[in-house]
């Protein structure tokens, strides 16, 4: 789980500013997975960044493992 969470931000580096990626990776490095996911999802939403079906599924899987409702994915733009 930890490795998967740490690799997620890198998938979106072309769509998010460095400051957002830094917050996400810092939270993940500290084991604050819910905060990391929240920062990642908010960053994608605020930038109106497109998310592929595969990326959406990976994000959903991570949210499920964390016990966080996946309805937040509904607001992300599809690629």
PDB file of N, CA and C in Angstrom:
ATOM      1  N   UNK A   1       0.831  -1.198   0.000  1.00  0.00           N
ATOM      2  CA  UNK A   1       0.000   0.000   0.000  1.00  0.00           C
ATOM      3  C   UNK A   1       0.873   1.257   0.000  1.00  0.00           C
ATOM      4  N   UNK A   2       1.868   1.268   0.853  1.00  0.00           N
ATOM      5  CA  UNK A   2       2.719   2.453   0.967  1.00  0.00           C
ATOM      6  C   UNK A   2       3.408   2.764  -0.351  1.00  0.00           C
ATOM      7  N   UNK A   3       3.919   1.745  -1.022  1.00  0.00           N
ATOM      8  CA  UNK A   3       4.593   1.971  -2.307  1.00  0.00           C
ATOM      9  C   UNK A   3       3.627   2.507  -3.353  1.00  0.00           C
ATOM     10  N   UNK A   4       2.426   1.951  -3.384  1.00  0.00           N
ATOM     11  CA  UNK A   4       1.420   2.412  -4.351  1.00  0.00           C
ATOM     12  C   UNK A   4       1.052   3.868  -4.089  1.00  0.00           C
ATOM     13  N   UNK A   5       0.888   4.224  -2.825  1.00  0.00           N
ATOM     14  CA  UNK A   5       0.527   5.598  -2.480  1.00  0.00           C
ATOM     15  C   UNK A   5       1.652   6.568  -2.824  1.00  0.00           C
ATOM     16  N   UNK A   6       2.881   6.134  -2.604  1.00  0.00           N
ATOM     17  CA  UNK A   6       4.010   7.021  -2.895  1.00  0.00           C
ATOM     18  C   UNK A   6       4.202   7.225  -4.392  1.00  0.00           C
ATOM     19  N   UNK A   7       3.786   6.258  -5.196  1.00  0.00           N
ATOM     20  CA  UNK A   7       3.978   6.378  -6.645  1.00  0.00           C
ATOM     21  C   UNK A   7       2.859   7.163  -7.330  1.00  0.00           C
ATOM     22  N   UNK A   8       1.708   7.284  -6.704  1.00  0.00           N
ATOM     23  CA  UNK A   8       0.572   7.979  -7.326  1.00  0.00           C
ATOM     24  C   UNK A   8       0.869   9.423  -7.735  1.00  0.00           C
ATOM     25  N   UNK A   9       1.457  10.245  -6.887  1.00  0.00           N
ATOM     26  CA  UNK A   9       1.670  11.642  -7.293  1.00  0.00           C
ATOM     27  C   UNK A   9       2.489  11.789  -8.566  1.00  0.00           C
ATOM     28  N   UNK A  10       3.456  10.922  -8.766  1.00  0.00           N
ATOM     29  CA  UNK A  10       4.295  10.997  -9.959  1.00  0.00           C
ATOM     30  C   UNK A  10       3.521  10.822 -11.245  1.00  0.00           C
ATOM     31  N   UNK A  11       2.419  10.111 -11.179  1.00  0.00           N
ATOM     32  CA  UNK A  11       1.588   9.908 -12.365  1.00  0.00           C
ATOM     33  C   UNK A  11       0.944  11.207 -12.826  1.00  0.00           C
ATOM     34  N   UNK A  12       0.841  12.163 -11.942  1.00  0.00           N
ATOM     35  CA  UNK A  12       0.136  13.408 -12.252  1.00  0.00           C
ATOM     36  C   UNK A  12       1.070  14.613 -12.298  1.00  0.00           C
ATOM     37  N   UNK A  13       2.370  14.380 -12.344  1.00  0.00           N
ATOM     38  CA  UNK A  13       3.325  15.488 -12.286  1.00  0.00           C
ATOM     39  C   UNK A  13       3.203  16.449 -13.457  1.00  0.00           C
ATOM     40  N   UNK A  14       2.671  15.972 -14.581  1.00  0.00           N
ATOM     41  CA  UNK A  14       2.498  16.853 -15.735  1.00  0.00           C
ATOM     42  C   UNK A  14       1.224  17.693 -15.642  1.00  0.00           C
ATOM     43  N   UNK A  15       0.402  17.427 -14.628  1.00  0.00           N
ATOM     44  CA  UNK A  15      -0.877  18.122 -14.504  1.00  0.00           C
ATOM     45  C   UNK A  15      -1.021  18.932 -13.230  1.00  0.00           C
ATOM     46  N   UNK A  16      -0.052  18.821 -12.347  1.00  0.00           N
ATOM     47  CA  UNK A  16      -0.130  19.530 -11.070  1.00  0.00           C
ATOM     48  C   UNK A  16       1.124  20.361 -10.839  1.00  0.00           C
ATOM     49  N   UNK A  17       0.978  21.493 -10.157  1.00  0.00           N
ATOM     50  CA  UNK A  17       2.162  22.304  -9.850  1.00  0.00           C
ATOM     51  C   UNK A  17       3.061  21.594  -8.832  1.00  0.00           C
ATOM     52  N   UNK A  18       4.319  21.962  -8.858  1.00  0.00           N
ATOM     53  CA  UNK A  18       5.308  21.345  -7.965  1.00  0.00           C
ATOM     54  C   UNK A  18       4.914  21.494  -6.498  1.00  0.00           C
ATOM     55  N   UNK A  19       4.321  22.613  -6.139  1.00  0.00           N
ATOM     56  CA  UNK A  19       3.945  22.831  -4.734  1.00  0.00           C
ATOM     57  C   UNK A  19       2.892  21.826  -4.272  1.00  0.00           C
ATOM     58  N   UNK A  20       1.937  21.515  -5.137  1.00  0.00           N
ATOM     59  CA  UNK A  20       0.916  20.523  -4.798  1.00  0.00           C
ATOM     60  C   UNK A  20       1.539  19.143  -4.683  1.00  0.00           C
ATOM     61  N   UNK A  21       2.376  18.789  -5.645  1.00  0.00           N
ATOM     62  CA  UNK A  21       3.041  17.484  -5.598  1.00  0.00           C
ATOM     63  C   UNK A  21       3.884  17.346  -4.339  1.00  0.00           C
ATOM     64  N   UNK A  22       4.533  18.413  -3.936  1.00  0.00           N
ATOM     65  CA  UNK A  22       5.356  18.388  -2.725  1.00  0.00           C
ATOM     66  C   UNK A  22       4.490  18.126  -1.488  1.00  0.00           C
ATOM     67  N   UNK A  23       3.333  18.796  -1.410  1.00  0.00           N
ATOM     68  CA  UNK A  23       2.432  18.563  -0.269  1.00  0.00           C
ATOM     69  C   UNK A  23       1.948  17.119  -0.242  1.00  0.00           C
ATOM     70  N   UNK A  24       1.612  16.585  -1.418  1.00  0.00           N
ATOM     71  CA  UNK A  24       1.131  15.205  -1.500  1.00  0.00           C
ATOM     72  C   UNK A  24       2.227  14.234  -1.069  1.00  0.00           C
ATOM     73  N   UNK A  25       3.412  14.387  -1.629  1.00  0.00           N
ATOM     74  CA  UNK A  25       4.496  13.454  -1.306  1.00  0.00           C
ATOM     75  C   UNK A  25       4.958  13.608   0.144  1.00  0.00           C
ATOM     76  N   UNK A  26       4.957  14.821   0.677  1.00  0.00           N
ATOM     77  CA  UNK A  26       5.317  15.015   2.084  1.00  0.00           C
ATOM     78  C   UNK A  26       4.320  14.306   3.000  1.00  0.00           C
ATOM     79  N   UNK A  27       3.041  14.435   2.702  1.00  0.00           N
ATOM     80  CA  UNK A  27       2.020  13.762   3.508  1.00  0.00           C
ATOM     81  C   UNK A  27       2.162  12.247   3.408  1.00  0.00           C
ATOM     82  N   UNK A  28       2.392  11.752   2.203  1.00  0.00           N
ATOM     83  CA  UNK A  28       2.561  10.306   2.011  1.00  0.00           C
ATOM     84  C   UNK A  28       3.799   9.803   2.744  1.00  0.00           C
ATOM     85  N   UNK A  29       4.881  10.568   2.698  1.00  0.00           N
ATOM     86  CA  UNK A  29       6.117  10.160   3.372  1.00  0.00           C
ATOM     87  C   UNK A  29       5.924  10.063   4.883  1.00  0.00           C
ATOM     88  N   UNK A  30       5.014  10.850   5.406  1.00  0.00           N
ATOM     89  CA  UNK A  30       4.726  10.827   6.848  1.00  0.00           C
ATOM     90  C   UNK A  30       3.660   9.794   7.206  1.00  0.00           C
ATOM     91  N   UNK A  31       3.146   9.087   6.198  1.00  0.00           N
ATOM     92  CA  UNK A  31       2.110   8.094   6.454  1.00  0.00           C
ATOM     93  C   UNK A  31       0.731   8.692   6.623  1.00  0.00           C
ATOM     94  N   UNK A  32       0.565   9.940   6.226  1.00  0.00           N
ATOM     95  CA  UNK A  32      -0.741  10.611   6.327  1.00  0.00           C
ATOM     96  C   UNK A  32      -1.473  10.421   4.998  1.00  0.00           C
ATOM     97  N   UNK A  33      -1.895   9.191   4.761  1.00  0.00           N
ATOM     98  CA  UNK A  33      -2.439   8.783   3.464  1.00  0.00           C
ATOM     99  C   UNK A  33      -3.711   9.530   3.098  1.00  0.00           C
ATOM    100  N   UNK A  34      -4.620   9.705   4.065  1.00  0.00           N
ATOM    101  CA  UNK A  34      -5.871  10.407   3.760  1.00  0.00           C
ATOM    102  C   UNK A  34      -5.595  11.848   3.337  1.00  0.00           C
ATOM    103  N   UNK A  35      -4.679  12.491   4.040  1.00  0.00           N
ATOM    104  CA  UNK A  35      -4.321  13.875   3.691  1.00  0.00           C
ATOM    105  C   UNK A  35      -3.673  13.919   2.316  1.00  0.00           C
ATOM    106  N   UNK A  36      -2.793  12.973   2.033  1.00  0.00           N
ATOM    107  CA  UNK A  36      -2.132  12.922   0.725  1.00  0.00           C
ATOM    108  C   UNK A  36      -3.161  12.767  -0.389  1.00  0.00           C
ATOM    109  N   UNK A  37      -4.111  11.873  -0.196  1.00  0.00           N
ATOM    110  CA  UNK A  37      -5.140  11.668  -1.220  1.00  0.00           C
ATOM    111  C   UNK A  37      -6.021  12.903  -1.355  1.00  0.00           C
ATOM    112  N   UNK A  38      -6.351  13.521  -0.244  1.00  0.00           N
ATOM    113  CA  UNK A  38      -7.156  14.734  -0.299  1.00  0.00           C
ATOM    114  C   UNK A  38      -6.463  15.841  -1.069  1.00  0.00           C
ATOM    115  N   UNK A  39      -5.177  16.023  -0.816  1.00  0.00           N
ATOM    116  CA  UNK A  39      -4.389  17.039  -1.535  1.00  0.00           C
ATOM    117  C   UNK A  39      -4.322  16.715  -3.027  1.00  0.00           C
ATOM    118  N   UNK A  40      -4.112  15.446  -3.341  1.00  0.00           N
ATOM    119  CA  UNK A  40      -4.013  15.029  -4.742  1.00  0.00           C
ATOM    120  C   UNK A  40      -5.329  15.261  -5.474  1.00  0.00           C
ATOM    121  N   UNK A  41      -6.422  14.814  -4.886  1.00  0.00           N
ATOM    122  CA  UNK A  41      -7.728  14.980  -5.532  1.00  0.00           C
ATOM    123  C   UNK A  41      -8.110  16.453  -5.665  1.00  0.00           C
ATOM    124  N   UNK A  42      -7.849  17.237  -4.628  1.00  0.00           N
ATOM    125  CA  UNK A  42      -8.180  18.661  -4.695  1.00  0.00           C
ATOM    126  C   UNK A  42      -7.334  19.350  -5.756  1.00  0.00           C
ATOM    127  N   UNK A  43      -6.072  18.991  -5.837  1.00  0.00           N
ATOM    128  CA  UNK A  43      -5.203  19.576  -6.856  1.00  0.00           C
ATOM    129  C   UNK A  43      -5.682  19.268  -8.260  1.00  0.00           C
ATOM    130  N   UNK A  44      -6.061  18.029  -8.494  1.00  0.00           N
ATOM    131  CA  UNK A  44      -6.568  17.644  -9.816  1.00  0.00           C
ATOM    132  C   UNK A  44      -7.865  18.382 -10.134  1.00  0.00           C
ATOM    133  N   UNK A  45      -8.736  18.481  -9.136  1.00  0.00           N
ATOM    134  CA  UNK A  45     -10.014  19.160  -9.335  1.00  0.00           C
ATOM    135  C   UNK A  45      -9.814  20.656  -9.608  1.00  0.00           C
ATOM    136  N   UNK A  46      -8.993  21.296  -8.805  1.00  0.00           N
ATOM    137  CA  UNK A  46      -8.793  22.740  -8.945  1.00  0.00           C
ATOM    138  C   UNK A  46      -8.131  23.107 -10.268  1.00  0.00           C
ATOM    139  N   UNK A  47      -7.299  22.236 -10.796  1.00  0.00           N
ATOM    140  CA  UNK A  47      -6.635  22.488 -12.080  1.00  0.00           C
ATOM    141  C   UNK A  47      -7.471  21.985 -13.254  1.00  0.00           C
ATOM    142  N   UNK A  48      -8.614  21.366 -12.960  1.00  0.00           N
ATOM    143  CA  UNK A  48      -9.462  20.762 -13.992  1.00  0.00           C
ATOM    144  C   UNK A  48      -8.633  19.805 -14.854  1.00  0.00           C
ATOM    145  N   UNK A  49      -7.767  19.054 -14.178  1.00  0.00           N
ATOM    146  CA  UNK A  49      -6.854  18.130 -14.857  1.00  0.00           C
ATOM    147  C   UNK A  49      -7.600  16.868 -15.275  1.00  0.00           C
ATOM    148  N   UNK A  50      -7.411  16.436 -16.508  1.00  0.00           N
ATOM    149  CA  UNK A  50      -8.072  15.213 -16.960  1.00  0.00           C
ATOM    150  C   UNK A  50      -7.458  13.979 -16.309  1.00  0.00           C
ATOM    151  N   UNK A  51      -8.309  13.011 -16.016  1.00  0.00           N
ATOM    152  CA  UNK A  51      -7.891  11.762 -15.386  1.00  0.00           C
ATOM    153  C   UNK A  51      -8.401  10.613 -16.249  1.00  0.00           C
ATOM    154  N   UNK A  52      -7.505   9.700 -16.610  1.00  0.00           N
ATOM    155  CA  UNK A  52      -7.898   8.560 -17.445  1.00  0.00           C
ATOM    156  C   UNK A  52      -8.710   7.561 -16.624  1.00  0.00           C
ATOM    157  N   UNK A  53      -9.348   6.635 -17.311  1.00  0.00           N
ATOM    158  CA  UNK A  53     -10.132   5.600 -16.637  1.00  0.00           C
ATOM    159  C   UNK A  53      -9.239   4.748 -15.736  1.00  0.00           C
ATOM    160  N   UNK A  54      -8.045   4.444 -16.197  1.00  0.00           N
ATOM    161  CA  UNK A  54      -7.109   3.638 -15.397  1.00  0.00           C
ATOM    162  C   UNK A  54      -6.684   4.412 -14.152  1.00  0.00           C
ATOM    163  N   UNK A  55      -6.371   5.693 -14.316  1.00  0.00           N
ATOM    164  CA  UNK A  55      -5.986   6.521 -13.169  1.00  0.00           C
ATOM    165  C   UNK A  55      -7.137   6.649 -12.181  1.00  0.00           C
ATOM    166  N   UNK A  56      -8.333   6.832 -12.693  1.00  0.00           N
ATOM    167  CA  UNK A  56      -9.519   6.947 -11.834  1.00  0.00           C
ATOM    168  C   UNK A  56      -9.701   5.666 -11.016  1.00  0.00           C
ATOM    169  N   UNK A  57      -9.488   4.523 -11.659  1.00  0.00           N
ATOM    170  CA  UNK A  57      -9.617   3.237 -10.963  1.00  0.00           C
ATOM    171  C   UNK A  57      -8.551   3.102  -9.871  1.00  0.00           C
ATOM    172  N   UNK A  58      -7.316   3.496 -10.182  1.00  0.00           N
ATOM    173  CA  UNK A  58      -6.242   3.431  -9.184  1.00  0.00           C
ATOM    174  C   UNK A  58      -6.530   4.351  -8.001  1.00  0.00           C
ATOM    175  N   UNK A  59      -7.010   5.546  -8.290  1.00  0.00           N
ATOM    176  CA  UNK A  59      -7.375   6.467  -7.216  1.00  0.00           C
ATOM    177  C   UNK A  59      -8.513   5.884  -6.379  1.00  0.00           C
ATOM    178  N   UNK A  60      -9.493   5.305  -7.052  1.00  0.00           N
ATOM    179  CA  UNK A  60     -10.616   4.684  -6.352  1.00  0.00           C
ATOM    180  C   UNK A  60     -10.172   3.529  -5.470  1.00  0.00           C
ATOM    181  N   UNK A  61      -9.250   2.718  -5.973  1.00  0.00           N
ATOM    182  CA  UNK A  61      -8.718   1.605  -5.177  1.00  0.00           C
ATOM    183  C   UNK A  61      -8.019   2.121  -3.923  1.00  0.00           C
ATOM    184  N   UNK A  62      -7.232   3.178  -4.087  1.00  0.00           N
ATOM    185  CA  UNK A  62      -6.521   3.752  -2.941  1.00  0.00           C
ATOM    186  C   UNK A  62      -7.514   4.302  -1.914  1.00  0.00           C
ATOM    187  N   UNK A  63      -8.535   4.988  -2.385  1.00  0.00           N
ATOM    188  CA  UNK A  63      -9.551   5.515  -1.471  1.00  0.00           C
ATOM    189  C   UNK A  63     -10.257   4.382  -0.739  1.00  0.00           C
ATOM    190  N   UNK A  64     -10.561   3.314  -1.456  1.00  0.00           N
ATOM    191  CA  UNK A  64     -11.239   2.161  -0.856  1.00  0.00           C
ATOM    192  C   UNK A  64     -10.392   1.561   0.268  1.00  0.00           C
ATOM    193  N   UNK A  65      -9.103   1.368  -0.004  1.00  0.00           N
ATOM    194  CA  UNK A  65      -8.205   0.810   1.010  1.00  0.00           C
ATOM    195  C   UNK A  65      -8.164   1.704   2.248  1.00  0.00           C
ATOM    196  N   UNK A  66      -8.227   3.003   2.027  1.00  0.00           N
ATOM    197  CA  UNK A  66      -8.198   3.955   3.143  1.00  0.00           C
ATOM    198  C   UNK A  66      -9.543   4.071   3.852  1.00  0.00           C
ATOM    199  N   UNK A  67     -10.584   3.496   3.257  1.00  0.00           N
ATOM    200  CA  UNK A  67     -11.914   3.609   3.831  1.00  0.00           C
ATOM    201  C   UNK A  67     -12.553   4.961   3.595  1.00  0.00           C
ATOM    202  N   UNK A  68     -12.090   5.646   2.549  1.00  0.00           N
ATOM    203  CA  UNK A  68     -12.605   6.975   2.206  1.00  0.00           C
ATOM    204  C   UNK A  68     -13.601   6.821   1.058  1.00  0.00           C
ATOM    205  N   UNK A  69     -14.775   7.444   1.151  1.00  0.00           N
ATOM    206  CA  UNK A  69     -15.747   7.342   0.058  1.00  0.00           C
ATOM    207  C   UNK A  69     -15.166   7.840  -1.266  1.00  0.00           C
ATOM    208  N   UNK A  70     -15.452   7.110  -2.322  1.00  0.00           N
ATOM    209  CA  UNK A  70     -14.889   7.425  -3.642  1.00  0.00           C
ATOM    210  C   UNK A  70     -15.721   8.439  -4.418  1.00  0.00           C
ATOM    211  N   UNK A  71     -16.778   8.978  -3.819  1.00  0.00           N
ATOM    212  CA  UNK A  71     -17.621   9.932  -4.549  1.00  0.00           C
ATOM    213  C   UNK A  71     -16.852  11.181  -4.980  1.00  0.00           C
ATOM    214  N   UNK A  72     -15.732  11.466  -4.336  1.00  0.00           N
ATOM    215  CA  UNK A  72     -14.933  12.642  -4.714  1.00  0.00           C
ATOM    216  C   UNK A  72     -14.362  12.500  -6.116  1.00  0.00           C
ATOM    217  N   UNK A  73     -14.243  11.279  -6.592  1.00  0.00           N
ATOM    218  CA  UNK A  73     -13.732  11.062  -7.950  1.00  0.00           C
ATOM    219  C   UNK A  73     -14.714  11.552  -9.003  1.00  0.00           C
ATOM    220  N   UNK A  74     -15.981  11.613  -8.650  1.00  0.00           N
ATOM    221  CA  UNK A  74     -17.011  12.019  -9.609  1.00  0.00           C
ATOM    222  C   UNK A  74     -16.804  13.444 -10.112  1.00  0.00           C
ATOM    223  N   UNK A  75     -16.119  14.263  -9.327  1.00  0.00           N
ATOM    224  CA  UNK A  75     -15.915  15.668  -9.715  1.00  0.00           C
ATOM    225  C   UNK A  75     -14.732  15.862 -10.652  1.00  0.00           C
ATOM    226  N   UNK A  76     -13.920  14.818 -10.825  1.00  0.00           N
ATOM    227  CA  UNK A  76     -12.740  14.944 -11.681  1.00  0.00           C
ATOM    228  C   UNK A  76     -13.116  14.792 -13.143  1.00  0.00           C
ATOM    229  N   UNK A  77     -12.435  15.560 -13.989  1.00  0.00           N
ATOM    230  CA  UNK A  77     -12.693  15.526 -15.431  1.00  0.00           C
ATOM    231  C   UNK A  77     -12.080  14.267 -16.027  1.00  0.00           C
ATOM    232  N   UNK A  78     -12.853  13.598 -16.865  1.00  0.00           N
ATOM    233  CA  UNK A  78     -12.367  12.386 -17.534  1.00  0.00           C
ATOM    234  C   UNK A  78     -11.532  12.752 -18.740  1.00  0.00           C
ATOM    235  N   UNK A  79     -10.573  11.918 -18.992  1.00  0.00           N
ATOM    236  CA  UNK A  79      -9.690  12.104 -20.142  1.00  0.00           C
ATOM    237  C   UNK A  79     -10.298  11.416 -21.334  1.00  0.00           C
TER     238      UNK A  79
END
